[in-house]
C-alpha atoms as a PDB file:
ATOM      1  CA  MET A   1       0.199   2.029  11.631  1.00  0.00           C
ATOM      2  CA  GLN A   2      -0.137   5.729  12.601  1.00  0.00           C
ATOM      3  CA  VAL A   3       0.525   7.211   9.357  1.00  0.00           C
ATOM      4  CA  ALA A   4      -2.135   5.241   7.721  1.00  0.00           C
ATOM      5  CA  ASP A   5      -4.704   6.301  10.495  1.00  0.00           C
ATOM      6  CA  HIS A   6      -3.447  10.015  10.044  1.00  0.00           C
ATOM      7  CA  ALA A   7      -3.955   9.669   6.296  1.00  0.00           C
ATOM      8  CA  ARG A   8      -7.189   8.274   6.664  1.00  0.00           C
ATOM      9  CA  GLU A   9      -8.356  10.796   8.637  1.00  0.00           C
ATOM     10  CA  LEU A  10      -7.074  13.767   6.576  1.00  0.00           C
ATOM     11  CA  ALA A  11      -8.687  11.958   3.449  1.00  0.00           C
ATOM     12  CA  LYS A  12     -12.388  10.909   5.216  1.00  0.00           C
ATOM     13  CA  HIS A  13     -14.143  13.592   3.271  1.00  0.00           C
ATOM     14  CA  THR A  14     -12.538  12.561  -0.009  1.00  0.00           C
ATOM     15  CA  HIS A  15     -12.798   9.832  -2.400  1.00  0.00           C
ATOM     16  CA  LEU A  16      -9.067   8.533  -1.897  1.00  0.00           C
ATOM     17  CA  ASP A  17      -8.409   5.213  -1.371  1.00  0.00           C
ATOM     18  CA  ILE A  18      -5.929   4.214   1.335  1.00  0.00           C
ATOM     19  CA  ALA A  19      -4.026   0.926   1.769  1.00  0.00           C
ATOM     20  CA  THR A  20      -1.851  -0.558   4.305  1.00  0.00           C
ATOM     21  CA  ILE A  21       1.043  -3.017   3.870  1.00  0.00           C
ATOM     22  CA  THR A  22       3.146  -4.280   6.531  1.00  0.00           C
ATOM     23  CA  GLY A  23       5.471  -7.315   7.557  1.00  0.00           C
ATOM     24  CA  GLY A  24       3.688  -9.912   9.885  1.00  0.00           C
ATOM     25  CA  VAL A  25       0.737 -10.384   7.477  1.00  0.00           C
ATOM     26  CA  ALA A  26       0.743 -13.236   4.929  1.00  0.00           C
ATOM     27  CA  TYR A  27       2.118 -11.861   1.561  1.00  0.00           C
ATOM     28  CA  MET A  28      -0.891 -12.836  -0.426  1.00  0.00           C
ATOM     29  CA  ASN A  29      -3.123 -11.057   1.661  1.00  0.00           C
ATOM     30  CA  HIS A  30      -1.892  -7.676   0.401  1.00  0.00           C
ATOM     31  CA  ALA A  31      -2.112  -8.839  -3.492  1.00  0.00           C
ATOM     32  CA  GLU A  32      -5.303  -7.128  -3.296  1.00  0.00           C
ATOM     33  CA  VAL A  33      -4.108  -3.685  -2.635  1.00  0.00           C
ATOM     34  CA  PHE A  34      -1.835  -3.927  -5.832  1.00  0.00           C
ATOM     35  CA  SER A  35      -4.939  -5.511  -8.112  1.00  0.00           C
ATOM     36  CA  GLU A  36      -6.882  -2.333  -6.806  1.00  0.00           C
ATOM     37  CA  ASN A  37      -6.223   1.528  -7.790  1.00  0.00           C
ATOM     38  CA  GLN A  38      -4.885   2.679  -4.504  1.00  0.00           C
ATOM     39  CA  ASP A  39      -4.509   6.391  -4.509  1.00  0.00           C
ATOM     40  CA  ILE A  40      -2.133   6.116  -1.302  1.00  0.00           C
ATOM     41  CA  VAL A  41       0.030   3.029  -0.255  1.00  0.00           C
ATOM     42  CA  VAL A  42       1.559   3.324   3.319  1.00  0.00           C
ATOM     43  CA  ALA A  43       3.846   0.379   3.684  1.00  0.00           C
ATOM     44  CA  THR A  44       6.495  -0.733   5.898  1.00  0.00           C
ATOM     45  CA  THR A  45      10.049  -0.339   3.872  1.00  0.00           C
ATOM     46  CA  GLY A  46      10.928  -4.210   3.933  1.00  0.00           C
ATOM     47  CA  ARG A  47       7.447  -5.464   2.621  1.00  0.00           C
ATOM     48  CA  LEU A  48       7.295  -2.752   0.038  1.00  0.00           C
ATOM     49  CA  LEU A  49      10.731  -3.660  -1.259  1.00  0.00           C
ATOM     50  CA  GLN A  50       9.887  -7.509  -1.179  1.00  0.00           C
ATOM     51  CA  TYR A  51       6.783  -6.743  -3.671  1.00  0.00           C
ATOM     52  CA  ILE A  52       8.878  -4.517  -5.749  1.00  0.00           C
ATOM     53  CA  LYS A  53      11.510  -7.412  -6.050  1.00  0.00           C
ATOM     54  CA  GLU A  54       9.196 -10.380  -6.643  1.00  0.00           C
ATOM     55  CA  GLU A  55       6.562  -8.470  -8.660  1.00  0.00           C
ATOM     56  CA  ASN A  56       7.771  -6.254 -11.472  1.00  0.00           C
ATOM     57  CA  SER A  57       4.481  -4.959 -12.497  1.00  0.00           C
ATOM     58  CA  ILE A  58       3.871  -3.397  -9.216  1.00  0.00           C
ATOM     59  CA  ALA A  59       7.382  -1.103  -9.493  1.00  0.00           C
ATOM     60  CA  GLU A  60       6.174   0.172 -12.732  1.00  0.00           C
ATOM     61  CA  ARG A  61       2.614   1.419 -11.102  1.00  0.00           C
ATOM     62  CA  LEU A  62       4.051   3.202  -8.030  1.00  0.00           C
ATOM     63  CA  LYS A  63       4.462   6.901  -8.297  1.00  0.00           C
ATOM     64  CA  ARG A  64       5.993   9.543  -5.919  1.00  0.00           C
END
């Protein structure tokens, strides 16, 4: 995903953790992303909305 690739390039000399969440990958494969403290999460709209609807605690931890 281009956005995530560019974010990683910009953050390579920092301590920022960047995760990517997309459709086409098993839902549970992304569970670890939300169990860790990610600084930036790059996600497709549909998959992010799915997580927010199904995992209430995720919505509470997201910031703009």
